[in-house]
Structures are given as structure tokens and as C-alpha cells.
N, C-alpha and C. Protein backbone atom coordinates (compact mmCIF):
# COMPACT_ATOMS: atom_id res chain seq x y z
N UNK A 1 51.42 16.59 -77.36
CA UNK A 1 50.48 16.99 -78.43
C UNK A 1 51.34 17.77 -79.55
N UNK A 2 51.23 17.40 -80.78
CA UNK A 2 51.95 18.19 -81.82
C UNK A 2 51.47 19.62 -81.92
N UNK A 3 52.34 20.42 -82.35
CA UNK A 3 51.89 21.85 -82.68
C UNK A 3 51.12 21.85 -83.93
N UNK A 4 50.36 22.89 -84.16
CA UNK A 4 49.55 23.00 -85.40
C UNK A 4 50.40 23.02 -86.71
N UNK A 5 51.64 23.57 -86.62
CA UNK A 5 52.46 23.42 -87.74
C UNK A 5 52.95 21.91 -88.06
N UNK A 6 53.13 21.17 -86.96
CA UNK A 6 53.60 19.83 -87.13
C UNK A 6 52.38 18.88 -87.49
N UNK A 7 51.16 19.38 -87.34
CA UNK A 7 50.00 18.56 -87.56
C UNK A 7 49.60 18.68 -88.96
N UNK A 8 50.00 19.53 -89.84
CA UNK A 8 49.55 19.70 -91.15
C UNK A 8 49.51 18.47 -91.89
N UNK A 9 50.51 17.57 -91.92
CA UNK A 9 50.53 16.51 -92.81
C UNK A 9 49.41 15.49 -92.42
N UNK A 10 49.42 15.13 -90.99
CA UNK A 10 48.38 14.36 -90.52
C UNK A 10 47.04 14.73 -90.53
N UNK A 11 46.79 16.01 -90.41
CA UNK A 11 45.39 16.60 -90.53
C UNK A 11 44.91 16.47 -91.96
N UNK A 12 45.69 16.63 -93.05
CA UNK A 12 45.17 16.58 -94.44
C UNK A 12 45.04 15.14 -94.64
N UNK A 13 45.86 14.20 -94.24
CA UNK A 13 45.92 12.76 -94.61
C UNK A 13 44.58 12.18 -93.97
N UNK A 14 44.44 12.55 -92.65
CA UNK A 14 43.18 11.87 -91.99
C UNK A 14 41.88 12.38 -92.38
N UNK A 15 41.89 13.42 -93.19
CA UNK A 15 40.69 14.18 -93.56
C UNK A 15 40.67 14.31 -95.11
N UNK A 16 41.30 13.47 -95.88
CA UNK A 16 41.47 13.67 -97.30
C UNK A 16 40.25 13.80 -98.07
N UNK A 17 39.25 12.88 -97.67
CA UNK A 17 37.99 12.86 -98.39
C UNK A 17 37.21 14.07 -98.13
N UNK A 18 37.24 14.68 -96.84
CA UNK A 18 36.55 15.73 -96.49
C UNK A 18 37.14 17.04 -97.26
N UNK A 19 38.52 17.08 -97.36
CA UNK A 19 39.12 18.06 -97.99
C UNK A 19 38.73 18.04 -99.55
N UNK A 20 38.79 16.84 -100.15
CA UNK A 20 38.46 16.68 -101.48
C UNK A 20 37.08 17.20 -101.79
N UNK A 21 36.05 16.96 -100.99
CA UNK A 21 34.72 17.40 -101.04
C UNK A 21 34.64 19.03 -101.12
N UNK A 22 35.61 19.54 -100.36
CA UNK A 22 35.68 21.08 -100.36
C UNK A 22 36.04 21.62 -101.70
N UNK A 23 37.12 20.85 -102.25
CA UNK A 23 37.82 21.46 -103.45
C UNK A 23 37.32 20.98 -104.82
N UNK A 24 36.46 19.90 -104.74
CA UNK A 24 36.04 19.10 -105.93
C UNK A 24 34.61 19.03 -106.01
N UNK A 25 33.96 19.48 -107.04
CA UNK A 25 34.65 20.18 -108.26
C UNK A 25 35.12 21.54 -108.12
N UNK A 26 34.23 22.25 -107.38
CA UNK A 26 34.67 23.65 -107.10
C UNK A 26 34.80 24.53 -108.31
N UNK A 27 34.58 26.00 -108.10
CA UNK A 27 34.95 26.78 -109.18
C UNK A 27 36.45 27.19 -109.32
N UNK A 28 36.96 27.23 -110.44
CA UNK A 28 38.33 27.46 -110.63
C UNK A 28 38.57 28.95 -110.59
N UNK A 29 38.51 29.54 -109.50
CA UNK A 29 38.79 31.04 -109.46
C UNK A 29 40.24 31.41 -109.61
N UNK A 30 41.11 30.47 -109.46
CA UNK A 30 42.51 30.70 -109.70
C UNK A 30 42.84 30.67 -111.23
N UNK A 31 41.89 30.51 -112.01
CA UNK A 31 42.24 30.29 -113.57
C UNK A 31 43.05 31.52 -114.20
N UNK A 32 42.72 32.81 -113.98
CA UNK A 32 43.54 33.84 -114.53
C UNK A 32 45.01 33.76 -114.11
N UNK A 33 45.29 33.46 -112.90
CA UNK A 33 46.73 33.33 -112.53
C UNK A 33 47.39 32.02 -113.06
N UNK A 34 46.59 31.07 -113.07
CA UNK A 34 47.09 29.87 -113.70
C UNK A 34 47.39 29.96 -115.18
N UNK A 35 46.60 30.77 -115.80
CA UNK A 35 46.73 30.95 -117.26
C UNK A 35 48.08 31.91 -117.45
N UNK A 36 48.36 32.87 -116.54
CA UNK A 36 49.33 33.74 -116.57
C UNK A 36 50.63 32.95 -116.37
N UNK A 37 50.66 31.88 -115.37
CA UNK A 37 51.82 31.05 -115.10
C UNK A 37 52.01 30.16 -116.42
N UNK A 38 50.90 29.68 -116.88
CA UNK A 38 51.21 28.84 -118.22
C UNK A 38 51.59 29.47 -119.43
N UNK A 39 51.47 30.86 -119.51
CA UNK A 39 51.69 31.66 -120.57
C UNK A 39 53.32 31.74 -120.70
N UNK A 40 53.96 31.40 -119.51
CA UNK A 40 55.32 31.52 -119.46
C UNK A 40 56.08 30.24 -119.97
N UNK A 41 55.20 29.20 -120.19
CA UNK A 41 55.65 27.93 -120.41
C UNK A 41 55.28 27.55 -121.92
N UNK A 42 55.97 26.62 -122.50
CA UNK A 42 55.53 26.18 -123.80
C UNK A 42 54.39 25.09 -123.86
N UNK A 43 53.76 25.05 -124.96
CA UNK A 43 52.70 23.86 -125.13
C UNK A 43 53.30 22.62 -124.59
N UNK A 44 52.44 21.88 -123.85
CA UNK A 44 52.91 20.52 -123.37
C UNK A 44 54.06 20.60 -122.42
N UNK A 45 54.26 21.67 -121.75
CA UNK A 45 55.34 21.72 -120.84
C UNK A 45 55.17 20.93 -119.45
N UNK A 46 56.32 20.64 -118.88
CA UNK A 46 56.16 19.91 -117.54
C UNK A 46 56.11 20.84 -116.34
N UNK A 47 55.13 20.40 -115.50
CA UNK A 47 54.86 21.17 -114.37
C UNK A 47 55.01 20.29 -113.06
N UNK A 48 55.68 20.75 -112.12
CA UNK A 48 55.78 20.24 -110.81
C UNK A 48 54.85 21.05 -109.81
N UNK A 49 53.80 20.17 -109.35
CA UNK A 49 52.67 20.64 -108.50
C UNK A 49 53.13 20.23 -107.19
N UNK A 50 53.60 21.18 -106.25
CA UNK A 50 53.89 20.86 -104.86
C UNK A 50 52.77 21.19 -103.92
N UNK A 51 52.41 20.12 -103.36
CA UNK A 51 51.19 20.11 -102.41
C UNK A 51 49.92 20.15 -103.34
N UNK A 52 49.98 19.02 -104.08
CA UNK A 52 49.02 18.93 -105.18
C UNK A 52 47.50 18.58 -104.70
N UNK A 53 47.48 18.13 -103.41
CA UNK A 53 46.30 17.75 -102.89
C UNK A 53 45.58 16.47 -103.62
N UNK A 54 44.32 16.47 -103.94
CA UNK A 54 43.77 15.43 -104.67
C UNK A 54 43.57 15.69 -106.04
N UNK A 55 44.29 16.67 -106.68
CA UNK A 55 44.46 16.95 -107.95
C UNK A 55 43.22 17.75 -108.43
N UNK A 56 42.25 18.06 -107.72
CA UNK A 56 41.16 18.83 -108.11
C UNK A 56 41.08 20.21 -107.28
N UNK A 57 41.10 21.36 -107.95
CA UNK A 57 40.77 21.43 -109.40
C UNK A 57 41.95 21.82 -110.18
N UNK A 58 43.04 22.18 -109.50
CA UNK A 58 44.20 22.79 -110.20
C UNK A 58 44.99 21.89 -111.14
N UNK A 59 45.42 20.78 -110.57
CA UNK A 59 46.17 19.83 -111.38
C UNK A 59 45.26 19.27 -112.52
N UNK A 60 43.97 19.08 -112.19
CA UNK A 60 43.13 18.56 -113.21
C UNK A 60 43.20 19.57 -114.32
N UNK A 61 42.91 20.95 -114.13
CA UNK A 61 43.05 21.86 -115.21
C UNK A 61 44.31 21.78 -115.96
N UNK A 62 45.43 21.69 -115.32
CA UNK A 62 46.70 21.56 -115.94
C UNK A 62 46.68 20.40 -116.98
N UNK A 63 46.35 19.20 -116.44
CA UNK A 63 46.38 18.06 -117.27
C UNK A 63 45.42 18.06 -118.36
N UNK A 64 44.18 18.60 -118.19
CA UNK A 64 43.25 18.76 -119.22
C UNK A 64 43.67 19.77 -120.34
N UNK A 65 44.56 20.71 -119.87
CA UNK A 65 45.05 21.65 -120.79
C UNK A 65 46.27 21.16 -121.59
N UNK A 66 46.66 19.94 -121.31
CA UNK A 66 47.73 19.30 -122.17
C UNK A 66 49.13 19.53 -121.50
N UNK A 67 49.26 19.89 -120.32
CA UNK A 67 50.64 19.90 -119.56
C UNK A 67 50.86 18.61 -118.87
N UNK A 68 52.14 18.35 -118.84
CA UNK A 68 52.65 17.04 -118.18
C UNK A 68 52.78 17.40 -116.71
N UNK A 69 52.06 16.94 -115.87
CA UNK A 69 51.98 17.21 -114.38
C UNK A 69 52.61 16.09 -113.67
N UNK A 70 53.49 16.40 -112.75
CA UNK A 70 54.02 15.64 -111.78
C UNK A 70 53.47 16.29 -110.33
N UNK A 71 52.77 15.44 -109.60
CA UNK A 71 52.26 16.01 -108.29
C UNK A 71 52.97 15.44 -107.19
N UNK A 72 53.18 16.29 -106.14
CA UNK A 72 53.89 15.89 -104.86
C UNK A 72 52.93 16.29 -103.81
N UNK A 73 52.71 15.42 -102.88
CA UNK A 73 51.96 15.72 -101.67
C UNK A 73 52.44 14.74 -100.53
N UNK A 74 52.45 15.22 -99.36
CA UNK A 74 52.92 14.48 -98.13
C UNK A 74 51.82 13.48 -97.72
N UNK A 75 50.61 13.64 -98.22
CA UNK A 75 49.49 12.73 -97.72
C UNK A 75 49.32 11.55 -98.70
N UNK A 76 49.45 10.40 -98.23
CA UNK A 76 49.34 9.25 -99.04
C UNK A 76 47.84 9.15 -99.59
N UNK A 77 46.90 9.57 -98.63
CA UNK A 77 45.42 9.39 -98.97
C UNK A 77 45.14 10.37 -100.21
N UNK A 78 45.57 11.60 -100.09
CA UNK A 78 45.37 12.51 -101.24
C UNK A 78 46.15 12.08 -102.49
N UNK A 79 47.30 11.59 -102.40
CA UNK A 79 48.00 11.09 -103.56
C UNK A 79 47.17 9.83 -104.24
N UNK A 80 46.63 9.14 -103.33
CA UNK A 80 45.79 7.92 -103.80
C UNK A 80 44.62 8.41 -104.66
N UNK A 81 43.95 9.53 -104.32
CA UNK A 81 42.92 10.05 -105.08
C UNK A 81 43.43 10.62 -106.45
N UNK A 82 44.57 11.29 -106.38
CA UNK A 82 45.33 11.73 -107.63
C UNK A 82 45.41 10.57 -108.60
N UNK A 83 46.05 9.47 -108.14
CA UNK A 83 46.38 8.37 -108.92
C UNK A 83 45.12 7.63 -109.61
N UNK A 84 44.02 7.72 -108.86
CA UNK A 84 42.81 7.18 -109.20
C UNK A 84 42.19 8.03 -110.44
N UNK A 85 42.36 9.23 -110.40
CA UNK A 85 41.83 10.13 -111.35
C UNK A 85 42.71 10.34 -112.54
N UNK A 86 43.85 10.33 -112.47
CA UNK A 86 44.82 10.67 -113.45
C UNK A 86 45.99 9.53 -113.49
N UNK A 87 45.76 8.30 -113.69
CA UNK A 87 46.81 7.26 -113.54
C UNK A 87 47.87 7.55 -114.61
N UNK A 88 47.66 8.24 -115.57
CA UNK A 88 48.80 8.50 -116.68
C UNK A 88 49.86 9.35 -116.25
N UNK A 89 49.51 10.12 -115.06
CA UNK A 89 50.50 11.05 -114.63
C UNK A 89 51.26 10.50 -113.30
N UNK A 90 52.32 11.16 -113.14
CA UNK A 90 53.11 10.77 -111.88
C UNK A 90 52.77 11.50 -110.57
N UNK A 91 52.50 10.74 -109.53
CA UNK A 91 52.01 11.28 -108.21
C UNK A 91 52.95 10.74 -107.23
N UNK A 92 53.62 11.62 -106.42
CA UNK A 92 54.68 11.14 -105.60
C UNK A 92 54.34 11.51 -104.10
N UNK A 93 54.36 10.59 -103.18
CA UNK A 93 54.18 10.97 -101.78
C UNK A 93 55.64 11.49 -101.26
N UNK A 94 55.71 12.55 -100.85
CA UNK A 94 56.98 13.31 -100.29
C UNK A 94 56.62 14.40 -99.63
N UNK A 95 57.51 14.88 -98.84
CA UNK A 95 57.64 16.12 -98.13
C UNK A 95 58.33 17.20 -98.95
N UNK A 96 57.67 18.16 -99.37
CA UNK A 96 58.31 19.19 -100.23
C UNK A 96 59.62 19.73 -99.58
N UNK A 97 59.62 19.81 -98.36
CA UNK A 97 60.86 20.35 -97.65
C UNK A 97 62.16 19.71 -97.91
N UNK A 98 62.04 18.32 -98.18
CA UNK A 98 63.23 17.52 -98.45
C UNK A 98 63.27 16.93 -99.91
N UNK A 99 62.45 17.64 -100.81
CA UNK A 99 62.30 16.98 -102.05
C UNK A 99 63.58 17.21 -102.87
N UNK A 100 64.15 16.19 -103.66
CA UNK A 100 65.15 16.34 -104.48
C UNK A 100 64.96 15.19 -105.67
N UNK A 101 64.25 15.65 -106.69
CA UNK A 101 63.79 14.50 -107.74
C UNK A 101 65.04 14.37 -108.67
N UNK A 102 66.05 15.15 -108.77
CA UNK A 102 67.10 15.06 -109.68
C UNK A 102 66.86 15.34 -111.09
N UNK A 103 65.77 16.10 -111.30
CA UNK A 103 65.39 16.61 -112.59
C UNK A 103 64.61 18.05 -112.42
N UNK A 104 64.52 18.60 -113.52
CA UNK A 104 64.03 20.00 -113.63
C UNK A 104 62.80 20.09 -114.38
N UNK A 105 61.83 21.00 -114.15
CA UNK A 105 60.51 21.21 -114.67
C UNK A 105 60.47 22.50 -115.42
N UNK A 106 59.51 22.63 -116.29
CA UNK A 106 59.36 23.99 -116.89
C UNK A 106 58.69 24.95 -116.04
N UNK A 107 57.85 24.43 -115.29
CA UNK A 107 57.12 25.29 -114.29
C UNK A 107 57.09 24.64 -112.86
N UNK A 108 57.07 25.31 -111.71
CA UNK A 108 56.94 24.74 -110.49
C UNK A 108 55.72 25.60 -109.85
N UNK A 109 54.79 24.90 -109.32
CA UNK A 109 53.73 25.58 -108.65
C UNK A 109 53.54 25.09 -107.17
N UNK A 110 53.17 26.06 -106.27
CA UNK A 110 53.02 25.58 -104.94
C UNK A 110 51.81 26.57 -104.44
N UNK A 111 50.72 26.15 -104.89
CA UNK A 111 49.46 26.97 -104.56
C UNK A 111 48.86 26.53 -103.34
N UNK A 112 48.61 27.39 -102.34
CA UNK A 112 47.96 27.00 -101.10
C UNK A 112 48.59 25.73 -100.46
N UNK A 113 49.84 25.65 -100.51
CA UNK A 113 50.58 24.54 -99.89
C UNK A 113 51.82 25.05 -99.07
N UNK A 114 52.66 25.79 -99.85
CA UNK A 114 53.94 26.46 -99.34
C UNK A 114 53.59 27.26 -98.10
N UNK A 115 52.44 27.78 -97.97
CA UNK A 115 52.08 28.70 -96.87
C UNK A 115 51.72 27.97 -95.57
N UNK A 116 51.69 26.61 -95.65
CA UNK A 116 51.49 25.79 -94.46
C UNK A 116 52.91 25.57 -93.71
N UNK A 117 53.98 25.97 -94.36
CA UNK A 117 55.24 25.70 -93.73
C UNK A 117 55.67 26.81 -92.82
N UNK A 118 56.37 26.53 -91.77
CA UNK A 118 56.89 27.42 -90.80
C UNK A 118 57.90 28.39 -91.42
N UNK A 119 58.23 29.42 -90.83
CA UNK A 119 59.10 30.48 -91.47
C UNK A 119 60.46 29.90 -91.99
N UNK A 120 61.24 29.12 -91.12
CA UNK A 120 62.41 28.75 -91.57
C UNK A 120 62.35 27.74 -92.62
N UNK A 121 61.29 26.88 -92.60
CA UNK A 121 61.09 25.92 -93.70
C UNK A 121 60.75 26.72 -94.97
N UNK A 122 60.02 27.73 -94.96
CA UNK A 122 59.72 28.50 -96.24
C UNK A 122 61.09 29.04 -96.71
N UNK A 123 61.91 29.62 -95.90
CA UNK A 123 63.27 30.12 -96.38
C UNK A 123 64.03 29.05 -97.08
N UNK A 124 64.06 27.86 -96.58
CA UNK A 124 64.81 26.85 -97.18
C UNK A 124 64.30 26.30 -98.49
N UNK A 125 62.82 26.52 -98.70
CA UNK A 125 62.25 25.98 -99.88
C UNK A 125 62.71 26.65 -101.12
N UNK A 126 63.25 27.84 -101.06
CA UNK A 126 63.64 28.44 -102.32
C UNK A 126 64.85 27.80 -102.94
N UNK A 127 65.73 27.01 -102.34
CA UNK A 127 66.70 26.12 -102.86
C UNK A 127 66.03 25.05 -103.44
N UNK A 128 64.92 24.43 -102.82
CA UNK A 128 64.16 23.31 -103.49
C UNK A 128 63.56 23.79 -104.85
N UNK A 129 62.97 24.96 -104.94
CA UNK A 129 62.35 25.50 -106.05
C UNK A 129 63.43 25.57 -107.14
N UNK A 130 64.66 26.18 -106.74
CA UNK A 130 65.66 26.50 -107.73
C UNK A 130 66.26 25.11 -108.36
N UNK A 131 66.26 24.11 -107.59
CA UNK A 131 66.82 22.91 -108.18
C UNK A 131 65.86 22.04 -108.97
N UNK A 132 64.51 22.59 -108.96
CA UNK A 132 63.55 21.78 -109.66
C UNK A 132 63.14 22.55 -110.91
N UNK A 133 63.61 23.70 -111.28
CA UNK A 133 63.04 24.45 -112.35
C UNK A 133 64.06 24.67 -113.40
N UNK A 134 63.66 24.70 -114.73
CA UNK A 134 64.57 24.75 -115.84
C UNK A 134 64.94 26.25 -115.88
N UNK A 135 66.15 26.64 -116.44
CA UNK A 135 66.37 28.02 -116.77
C UNK A 135 65.36 28.65 -117.59
N UNK A 136 64.75 29.76 -117.27
CA UNK A 136 63.82 30.52 -117.94
C UNK A 136 62.37 29.86 -117.54
N UNK A 137 62.43 28.92 -116.68
CA UNK A 137 61.10 28.29 -116.26
C UNK A 137 60.46 29.17 -115.27
N UNK A 138 59.22 28.89 -114.82
CA UNK A 138 58.35 29.69 -113.99
C UNK A 138 57.99 29.11 -112.65
N UNK A 139 57.91 29.95 -111.66
CA UNK A 139 57.66 29.51 -110.33
C UNK A 139 56.37 30.45 -109.91
N UNK A 140 55.34 29.68 -109.34
CA UNK A 140 54.37 30.46 -108.80
C UNK A 140 53.91 29.84 -107.29
N UNK A 141 53.61 30.74 -106.37
CA UNK A 141 53.28 30.31 -105.03
C UNK A 141 52.40 31.39 -104.49
N UNK A 142 51.71 30.78 -103.41
CA UNK A 142 50.76 31.69 -102.65
C UNK A 142 51.51 32.01 -101.31
N UNK A 143 51.27 33.09 -100.71
CA UNK A 143 51.74 33.38 -99.31
C UNK A 143 50.74 34.13 -98.57
N UNK A 144 51.08 34.78 -97.41
CA UNK A 144 50.24 35.66 -96.73
C UNK A 144 50.78 37.03 -97.27
N UNK A 145 50.08 38.07 -96.92
CA UNK A 145 50.41 39.46 -97.35
C UNK A 145 51.45 40.08 -96.45
N UNK A 146 51.77 39.61 -95.25
CA UNK A 146 52.80 40.07 -94.32
C UNK A 146 53.37 39.07 -93.55
N UNK A 147 54.49 39.26 -92.85
CA UNK A 147 55.04 38.38 -91.86
C UNK A 147 54.17 38.10 -90.79
N UNK A 148 54.07 36.87 -90.47
CA UNK A 148 53.21 36.52 -89.29
C UNK A 148 52.64 34.91 -89.34
N UNK A 149 51.94 34.47 -88.48
CA UNK A 149 51.44 33.18 -88.31
C UNK A 149 49.86 33.43 -88.11
N UNK A 150 49.05 32.57 -88.80
CA UNK A 150 47.56 32.56 -88.53
C UNK A 150 47.09 31.12 -88.49
N UNK A 151 46.09 31.00 -87.55
CA UNK A 151 45.47 29.61 -87.49
C UNK A 151 44.06 29.83 -87.98
N UNK A 152 43.56 29.03 -88.92
CA UNK A 152 42.23 28.84 -89.26
C UNK A 152 41.63 27.57 -88.67
N UNK A 153 40.62 27.04 -89.21
CA UNK A 153 40.08 25.66 -88.59
C UNK A 153 39.73 24.79 -89.76
N UNK A 154 40.15 23.61 -89.81
CA UNK A 154 39.75 22.50 -90.64
C UNK A 154 39.54 21.19 -89.89
N UNK A 155 38.39 20.49 -90.05
CA UNK A 155 37.97 19.25 -89.51
C UNK A 155 38.07 19.45 -87.97
N UNK A 156 37.65 20.51 -87.56
CA UNK A 156 37.67 20.87 -86.09
C UNK A 156 39.01 20.97 -85.38
N UNK A 157 40.04 21.19 -86.12
CA UNK A 157 41.37 21.34 -85.57
C UNK A 157 41.87 22.61 -86.13
N UNK A 158 42.92 23.24 -85.35
CA UNK A 158 43.66 24.43 -85.89
C UNK A 158 44.38 24.03 -87.17
N UNK A 159 44.23 24.95 -88.16
CA UNK A 159 44.97 24.81 -89.42
C UNK A 159 46.10 25.89 -89.62
N UNK A 160 47.29 25.54 -89.63
CA UNK A 160 48.25 26.48 -89.51
C UNK A 160 48.75 27.07 -90.90
N UNK A 161 48.98 28.43 -90.79
CA UNK A 161 49.50 29.04 -91.97
C UNK A 161 50.69 30.09 -91.48
N UNK A 162 51.64 30.37 -92.40
CA UNK A 162 52.67 31.23 -91.93
C UNK A 162 53.09 32.06 -93.21
N UNK A 163 53.66 33.25 -92.94
CA UNK A 163 54.16 34.01 -94.19
C UNK A 163 55.33 34.85 -93.76
N UNK A 164 56.31 35.02 -94.71
CA UNK A 164 57.31 35.99 -94.63
C UNK A 164 56.82 37.32 -95.05
N UNK A 165 57.57 38.30 -94.82
CA UNK A 165 57.25 39.63 -95.38
C UNK A 165 57.49 39.77 -96.88
N UNK A 166 56.91 40.72 -97.53
CA UNK A 166 57.23 40.85 -99.04
C UNK A 166 58.64 41.10 -99.31
N UNK A 167 59.31 41.96 -98.49
CA UNK A 167 60.65 42.29 -98.90
C UNK A 167 61.52 41.08 -98.67
N UNK A 168 61.19 40.17 -97.77
CA UNK A 168 61.99 38.99 -97.61
C UNK A 168 61.81 37.96 -98.74
N UNK A 169 60.63 37.82 -99.21
CA UNK A 169 60.33 37.04 -100.43
C UNK A 169 61.13 37.54 -101.56
N UNK A 170 61.08 38.84 -101.80
CA UNK A 170 61.92 39.46 -103.02
C UNK A 170 63.22 39.07 -102.82
N UNK A 171 63.83 39.13 -101.59
CA UNK A 171 65.27 38.96 -101.38
C UNK A 171 65.60 37.41 -101.78
N UNK A 172 64.78 36.56 -101.06
CA UNK A 172 64.97 35.18 -101.24
C UNK A 172 64.85 34.76 -102.82
N UNK A 173 63.92 35.23 -103.39
CA UNK A 173 63.81 35.01 -104.85
C UNK A 173 65.04 35.39 -105.64
N UNK A 174 65.48 36.52 -105.44
CA UNK A 174 66.60 37.13 -106.02
C UNK A 174 67.91 36.32 -105.65
N UNK A 175 67.99 35.93 -104.48
CA UNK A 175 69.20 35.09 -104.12
C UNK A 175 69.33 33.80 -104.81
N UNK A 176 68.11 33.28 -105.08
CA UNK A 176 68.10 31.80 -105.73
C UNK A 176 67.91 31.99 -107.33
N UNK A 177 67.97 33.08 -107.84
CA UNK A 177 68.07 33.21 -109.26
C UNK A 177 66.72 33.32 -109.94
N UNK A 178 65.74 33.85 -109.10
CA UNK A 178 64.46 34.26 -109.76
C UNK A 178 64.21 35.77 -109.76
N UNK A 179 63.41 36.05 -110.88
CA UNK A 179 63.00 37.40 -111.13
C UNK A 179 61.42 37.49 -110.98
N UNK A 180 60.97 38.38 -110.10
CA UNK A 180 59.53 38.44 -110.05
C UNK A 180 58.91 39.14 -111.24
N UNK A 181 57.89 38.57 -111.87
CA UNK A 181 57.35 38.98 -112.96
C UNK A 181 55.75 39.33 -112.59
N UNK A 182 55.29 38.94 -111.49
CA UNK A 182 53.96 39.24 -111.04
C UNK A 182 53.73 39.12 -109.54
N UNK A 183 53.14 40.07 -108.95
CA UNK A 183 52.80 39.90 -107.56
C UNK A 183 51.67 40.79 -107.15
N UNK A 184 50.68 40.34 -106.55
CA UNK A 184 49.59 40.89 -105.98
C UNK A 184 49.22 40.39 -104.66
N UNK A 185 49.15 41.38 -103.64
CA UNK A 185 48.76 41.08 -102.36
C UNK A 185 47.18 41.07 -102.25
N UNK A 186 46.72 40.00 -101.67
CA UNK A 186 45.23 39.93 -101.33
C UNK A 186 44.39 40.31 -102.50
N UNK A 187 44.64 39.61 -103.71
CA UNK A 187 43.91 39.91 -105.00
C UNK A 187 42.45 39.63 -104.79
N UNK A 188 41.61 40.61 -104.90
CA UNK A 188 40.32 40.52 -104.74
C UNK A 188 39.56 39.61 -105.75
N UNK A 189 40.32 39.56 -106.99
CA UNK A 189 39.76 38.71 -108.15
C UNK A 189 40.15 37.30 -107.94
N UNK A 190 40.80 37.02 -106.96
CA UNK A 190 41.31 35.56 -106.68
C UNK A 190 41.16 35.11 -105.28
N UNK A 191 40.13 35.39 -104.70
CA UNK A 191 39.74 34.98 -103.46
C UNK A 191 40.61 35.66 -102.34
N UNK A 192 41.18 36.83 -102.62
CA UNK A 192 42.08 37.54 -101.74
C UNK A 192 43.26 36.79 -101.49
N UNK A 193 43.72 35.95 -102.33
CA UNK A 193 45.02 35.20 -102.19
C UNK A 193 46.15 36.30 -102.64
N UNK A 194 47.38 36.06 -102.00
CA UNK A 194 48.55 36.82 -102.18
C UNK A 194 49.40 35.92 -103.20
N UNK A 195 49.67 36.37 -104.24
CA UNK A 195 50.32 35.56 -105.30
C UNK A 195 51.62 36.04 -105.79
N UNK A 196 52.72 35.20 -106.00
CA UNK A 196 53.96 35.42 -106.43
C UNK A 196 54.15 34.62 -107.71
N UNK A 197 54.56 35.31 -108.77
CA UNK A 197 54.90 34.62 -110.07
C UNK A 197 56.31 35.14 -110.41
N UNK A 198 57.25 34.14 -110.78
CA UNK A 198 58.63 34.51 -110.84
C UNK A 198 59.23 33.65 -112.08
N UNK A 199 60.24 34.18 -112.64
CA UNK A 199 60.93 33.43 -113.76
C UNK A 199 62.38 33.06 -113.25
N UNK A 200 62.88 31.89 -113.50
CA UNK A 200 64.15 31.49 -113.04
C UNK A 200 65.11 31.91 -114.15
N UNK A 201 65.89 32.91 -113.77
CA UNK A 201 66.78 33.56 -114.87
C UNK A 201 68.07 32.84 -114.80
N UNK A 202 68.59 32.45 -113.75
CA UNK A 202 69.96 31.70 -113.72
C UNK A 202 70.22 31.02 -112.37
N UNK A 203 70.71 29.89 -112.36
CA UNK A 203 71.07 29.18 -111.10
C UNK A 203 72.25 29.98 -110.49
N UNK A 204 72.09 30.09 -109.15
CA UNK A 204 73.14 30.76 -108.34
C UNK A 204 73.79 29.86 -107.55
N UNK A 205 75.12 29.73 -107.50
CA UNK A 205 75.75 28.89 -106.47
C UNK A 205 75.68 29.54 -105.06
N UNK A 206 75.50 28.69 -104.11
CA UNK A 206 75.58 29.10 -102.70
C UNK A 206 76.88 29.91 -102.31
N UNK A 207 76.71 31.04 -101.77
CA UNK A 207 77.91 31.86 -101.38
C UNK A 207 78.52 31.28 -100.21
N UNK A 208 79.90 31.22 -100.26
CA UNK A 208 80.66 30.72 -99.07
C UNK A 208 80.39 31.60 -97.94
N UNK A 209 80.33 30.89 -96.84
CA UNK A 209 80.14 31.51 -95.58
C UNK A 209 81.35 31.97 -94.86
N UNK A 210 81.48 33.24 -94.33
CA UNK A 210 82.66 33.62 -93.67
C UNK A 210 83.12 32.68 -92.54
N UNK A 211 84.41 32.47 -92.34
CA UNK A 211 84.99 31.59 -91.39
C UNK A 211 84.99 32.30 -90.02
């Protein structure tokens, strides 16, 4: 039997319609943070939404606000819902951990998706973020408030979440050329989410490892 961490993709894909009902239409309690993220971008900017789900409600808000959204999700069923709702946008079935689209976006968003990755996968994601964001572009993601692993329940199965500690997130962001411009742990105005907002200041080349 797969571990809860390894079951994430299958769990969402097998229960895509159930997940969609939970999030659609739903109240957009994330709006203040989304607007803060968008304020760092120009009008009509490009946004890469990692773990876009079924596009409701977050990607839908971005699209309707005039932003050019490219959505990525590992679930073909969820991406199918995105394509049916917003056929004019680009929706890609892919695992964010190995993503390399060969182009950069004005903003990269990983809201309630990145935190489903195991610790080492999260550490590796900062290089993925860096190679997909334009200089002076923005990155926003959610995490847990402290280092650890947590299991909730979805569709009768364990739903895996993990987080690094705040100091390590700061270090990883700095190492990959990001500057933190906003961070709140367990924001009571945003459903107790822990949010990170950063700006990409300069690409950094990987440092050579000692022999």
C-alpha cells in the first residue's frame, strides 16, 4: 500500500468531482493575499498556478481579473475540469516536482498544493520556482507554521501535509534569489493559512560542491 504522501496524486484524481464541490464556488477568503500578490505584477501579467486543482475559485479569480493563467496539476481529472471552464487558457497535466516548461512567468503561485510534498521534495521545489519566474516576479505559497508532518482526512483516506520550519524557508528563498516581502503564520483572516510572499530579485547559479 502506498504511503499517504505517495497517494496524494491518486487521491485527488479519483475524487476530483468531490474536491470540486468542496471548493466551487466557495467564498474567496484568499482574496486579500491574492490581491497583494497581484499588486506585484503588471496588468495582464502571466501567472503559473502550480496545483491549480479545478480552477475554482483561485485560478478563476485570476482569469476574470485579466491575468493570463497557466495551470499545472498532476490530476488529469482536475485539469479536465479546468479546460472545460476556461478553454482559452493553458492547462497542463504535470508533476510540479519535475516541471521545466522552458519559460518564465511574472508570478508563480502554489496555494494549498506545495504543502502536500514531502520535506525533501519541498526543498527541491525552490529551484523549480526560480526557473519559472521572471526577474522581479512574485512567488506566493502556503506552508505549515513549523517543521513537521500532519495527516487530515479527505474522501475517507489520510491526506498528507508537510512543512519545513520558517528559518529553513527563509534560507531556501534567499539561496534561490528570492526576497521575502510578506509572511504571516496561521493568518486568522485567511483561514489560519501560513502564507509566504516573495519577489525574485536575481537568479543565482548553483554553488559548486566541495570535492
